[in-house]
């Protein structure tokens, strides 16, 4: 996932993608622990995608609360 693709997403889409990546990260950790992980480089890629999304979410303005 490139930063330019991520910046085009809405905050809701970013939050959903973040949840997906965290689930994938957990599954990859379990595979690593059981010796079933085939592509160790995927863990690094997922970790960086999570960081990228968190950074972009921090840059976007928070939605204004309506009373």
Protein backbone atom coordinates (compact mmCIF):
# COMPACT_ATOMS: atom_id res chain seq x y z
CA UNK A 1 0.00 0.00 0.00
CA UNK A 2 1.41 3.35 -1.01
CA UNK A 3 1.01 6.55 0.98
CA UNK A 4 -0.71 8.24 -1.97
CA UNK A 5 -3.37 5.50 -2.00
CA UNK A 6 -3.82 5.79 1.74
CA UNK A 7 -4.19 9.57 1.71
CA UNK A 8 -7.12 9.28 -0.70
CA UNK A 9 -9.12 7.20 1.79
CA UNK A 10 -11.65 8.57 4.25
CA UNK A 11 -11.00 8.29 8.00
CA UNK A 12 -13.64 5.54 8.24
CA UNK A 13 -11.97 3.55 5.48
CA UNK A 14 -8.60 4.01 7.16
CA UNK A 15 -9.96 2.77 10.47
CA UNK A 16 -11.43 -0.32 8.81
CA UNK A 17 -8.17 -1.02 6.97
CA UNK A 18 -6.24 -0.58 10.22
CA UNK A 19 -8.42 -3.20 11.92
CA UNK A 20 -7.85 -5.62 9.01
CA UNK A 21 -4.10 -5.12 9.18
CA UNK A 22 -4.02 -5.67 12.94
CA UNK A 23 -5.90 -8.97 12.49
CA UNK A 24 -3.45 -9.98 9.77
CA UNK A 25 -0.51 -9.01 11.99
CA UNK A 26 -1.86 -11.24 14.76
CA UNK A 27 -2.32 -14.16 12.37
CA UNK A 28 1.21 -13.72 11.04
CA UNK A 29 2.58 -13.69 14.60
CA UNK A 30 0.78 -16.95 15.35
CA UNK A 31 2.10 -18.51 12.14
CA UNK A 32 5.63 -17.40 13.07
CA UNK A 33 5.34 -18.95 16.52
CA UNK A 34 4.10 -22.28 15.13
CA UNK A 35 6.69 -22.36 12.35
CA UNK A 36 4.14 -22.08 9.53
CA UNK A 37 5.07 -18.62 8.24
CA UNK A 38 6.08 -18.80 4.57
CA UNK A 39 6.85 -15.13 3.89
CA UNK A 40 8.56 -13.48 6.86
CA UNK A 41 8.85 -10.23 4.90
CA UNK A 42 5.05 -9.88 5.06
CA UNK A 43 5.27 -9.16 8.81
CA UNK A 44 7.50 -6.16 8.14
CA UNK A 45 5.24 -4.91 5.36
CA UNK A 46 2.12 -5.16 7.53
CA UNK A 47 3.86 -3.39 10.43
CA UNK A 48 4.85 -0.51 8.17
CA UNK A 49 1.36 -0.27 6.65
CA UNK A 50 -0.09 0.01 10.15
CA UNK A 51 2.35 2.81 10.98
CA UNK A 52 1.56 4.58 7.71
CA UNK A 53 -2.18 4.49 8.38
CA UNK A 54 -1.74 5.73 11.97
CA UNK A 55 0.41 8.60 10.73
CA UNK A 56 -2.12 9.65 8.10
CA UNK A 57 -5.01 9.36 10.55
CA UNK A 58 -3.12 11.73 12.86
CA UNK A 59 -2.65 14.23 10.04
CA UNK A 60 -6.30 14.32 9.02
CA UNK A 61 -8.55 16.70 10.94
CA UNK A 62 -10.87 15.02 13.41
CA UNK A 63 -14.57 15.17 12.50
CA UNK A 64 -16.40 17.92 14.36
CA UNK A 65 -18.86 16.76 16.99
CA UNK A 66 -22.42 17.96 16.53
CA UNK A 67 -24.49 18.81 19.58
